[in-house]
Amino acid sequence: MKIALLLAKESNLCFTAVGERLETVAGSTLSHHLKQLTDSGLIDSRKNGSFIHYNVNRKVAEKFAPFLLA
């Protein structure tokens, strides 16, 4: 939930930036949850060199989780 809310407010964040903002989440846990959110379609990922940047998929959020966009 915190990851989705963060990405709804700040787009185009890489793994490291998400981890820095959440502070208390272990890297392996963050990686697992980002994969789950990406697989579900709620967030999109885009590879840029060796970095992967994440964004909320606004169409999916509007349909299934509109509170993220409020």
C-alpha atoms as a PDB file:
ATOM      1  CA  MET A   1       0.000   0.000   0.000  1.00  0.00           C
ATOM      2  CA  LYS A   2       2.781   2.432   0.923  1.00  0.00           C
ATOM      3  CA  ILE A   3       4.601   1.714  -2.335  1.00  0.00           C
ATOM      4  CA  ALA A   4       1.502   2.369  -4.442  1.00  0.00           C
ATOM      5  CA  LEU A   5       0.706   5.572  -2.541  1.00  0.00           C
ATOM      6  CA  LEU A   6       4.289   6.781  -2.934  1.00  0.00           C
ATOM      7  CA  LEU A   7       4.331   6.083  -6.675  1.00  0.00           C
ATOM      8  CA  ALA A   8       0.981   7.812  -7.092  1.00  0.00           C
ATOM      9  CA  LYS A   9       2.498  10.986  -5.633  1.00  0.00           C
ATOM     10  CA  GLU A  10       5.973  10.725  -7.150  1.00  0.00           C
ATOM     11  CA  SER A  11       6.325   9.124 -10.558  1.00  0.00           C
ATOM     12  CA  ASN A  12       9.335   7.676 -12.296  1.00  0.00           C
ATOM     13  CA  LEU A  13      11.154   6.462  -9.178  1.00  0.00           C
ATOM     14  CA  CYS A  14      13.862   3.816  -9.352  1.00  0.00           C
ATOM     15  CA  PHE A  15      14.234   0.993  -6.837  1.00  0.00           C
ATOM     16  CA  THR A  16      16.791   2.904  -4.767  1.00  0.00           C
ATOM     17  CA  ALA A  17      14.634   6.039  -4.577  1.00  0.00           C
ATOM     18  CA  VAL A  18      11.600   4.017  -3.474  1.00  0.00           C
ATOM     19  CA  GLY A  19      13.709   2.281  -0.813  1.00  0.00           C
ATOM     20  CA  GLU A  20      15.116   5.572   0.475  1.00  0.00           C
ATOM     21  CA  ARG A  21      11.659   7.082   0.858  1.00  0.00           C
ATOM     22  CA  LEU A  22      10.226   4.033   2.648  1.00  0.00           C
ATOM     23  CA  GLU A  23      13.312   3.693   4.905  1.00  0.00           C
ATOM     24  CA  THR A  24      12.178   0.703   6.995  1.00  0.00           C
ATOM     25  CA  VAL A  25      11.637  -1.789   4.168  1.00  0.00           C
ATOM     26  CA  ALA A  26      14.371  -4.344   3.445  1.00  0.00           C
ATOM     27  CA  GLY A  27      15.593  -4.487  -0.145  1.00  0.00           C
ATOM     28  CA  SER A  28      14.433  -8.057  -0.679  1.00  0.00           C
ATOM     29  CA  THR A  29      10.969  -7.230   0.648  1.00  0.00           C
ATOM     30  CA  LEU A  30      10.746  -4.135  -1.545  1.00  0.00           C
ATOM     31  CA  SER A  31      11.822  -6.110  -4.593  1.00  0.00           C
ATOM     32  CA  HIS A  32       9.188  -8.759  -3.896  1.00  0.00           C
ATOM     33  CA  HIS A  33       6.393  -6.216  -3.504  1.00  0.00           C
ATOM     34  CA  LEU A  34       7.400  -4.228  -6.586  1.00  0.00           C
ATOM     35  CA  LYS A  35       7.261  -7.448  -8.607  1.00  0.00           C
ATOM     36  CA  GLN A  36       3.832  -8.297  -7.214  1.00  0.00           C
ATOM     37  CA  LEU A  37       2.503  -4.805  -7.985  1.00  0.00           C
ATOM     38  CA  THR A  38       3.990  -4.913 -11.488  1.00  0.00           C
ATOM     39  CA  ASP A  39       2.575  -8.387 -12.166  1.00  0.00           C
ATOM     40  CA  SER A  40      -0.865  -7.227 -11.009  1.00  0.00           C
ATOM     41  CA  GLY A  41      -0.738  -4.280 -13.420  1.00  0.00           C
ATOM     42  CA  LEU A  42      -1.106  -1.606 -10.741  1.00  0.00           C
ATOM     43  CA  ILE A  43       2.352  -0.229 -11.428  1.00  0.00           C
ATOM     44  CA  ASP A  44       4.384  -0.099 -14.624  1.00  0.00           C
ATOM     45  CA  SER A  45       8.119  -0.552 -14.879  1.00  0.00           C
ATOM     46  CA  ARG A  46      10.472   0.859 -17.488  1.00  0.00           C
ATOM     47  CA  LYS A  47      14.106  -0.131 -17.847  1.00  0.00           C
ATOM     48  CA  ASN A  48      16.567   2.704 -18.425  1.00  0.00           C
ATOM     49  CA  GLY A  49      20.123   1.390 -18.629  1.00  0.00           C
ATOM     50  CA  SER A  50      20.717  -0.600 -15.457  1.00  0.00           C
ATOM     51  CA  PHE A  51      17.862   1.119 -13.602  1.00  0.00           C
ATOM     52  CA  ILE A  52      14.181   0.221 -13.544  1.00  0.00           C
ATOM     53  CA  HIS A  53      11.784   3.116 -13.003  1.00  0.00           C
ATOM     54  CA  TYR A  54       8.298   2.594 -11.589  1.00  0.00           C
ATOM     55  CA  ASN A  55       5.014   4.473 -12.077  1.00  0.00           C
ATOM     56  CA  VAL A  56       1.408   3.893 -11.094  1.00  0.00           C
ATOM     57  CA  ASN A  57      -0.656   2.649 -14.026  1.00  0.00           C
ATOM     58  CA  ARG A  58      -3.312   5.366 -13.879  1.00  0.00           C
ATOM     59  CA  LYS A  59      -5.921   3.474 -15.918  1.00  0.00           C
ATOM     60  CA  VAL A  60      -5.773   0.467 -13.599  1.00  0.00           C
ATOM     61  CA  ALA A  61      -5.700   2.691 -10.503  1.00  0.00           C
ATOM     62  CA  GLU A  62      -8.757   4.652 -11.693  1.00  0.00           C
ATOM     63  CA  LYS A  63     -10.680   1.415 -12.123  1.00  0.00           C
ATOM     64  CA  PHE A  64      -9.575  -0.611  -9.088  1.00  0.00           C
ATOM     65  CA  ALA A  65      -7.955   1.788  -6.608  1.00  0.00           C
ATOM     66  CA  PRO A  66      -9.180   5.353  -7.237  1.00  0.00           C
ATOM     67  CA  PHE A  67      -8.183   6.384  -3.701  1.00  0.00           C
ATOM     68  CA  LEU A  68      -4.542   6.268  -4.859  1.00  0.00           C
ATOM     69  CA  LEU A  69      -5.166   9.166  -7.212  1.00  0.00           C
ATOM     70  CA  ALA A  70      -7.077  11.364  -4.759  1.00  0.00           C
END
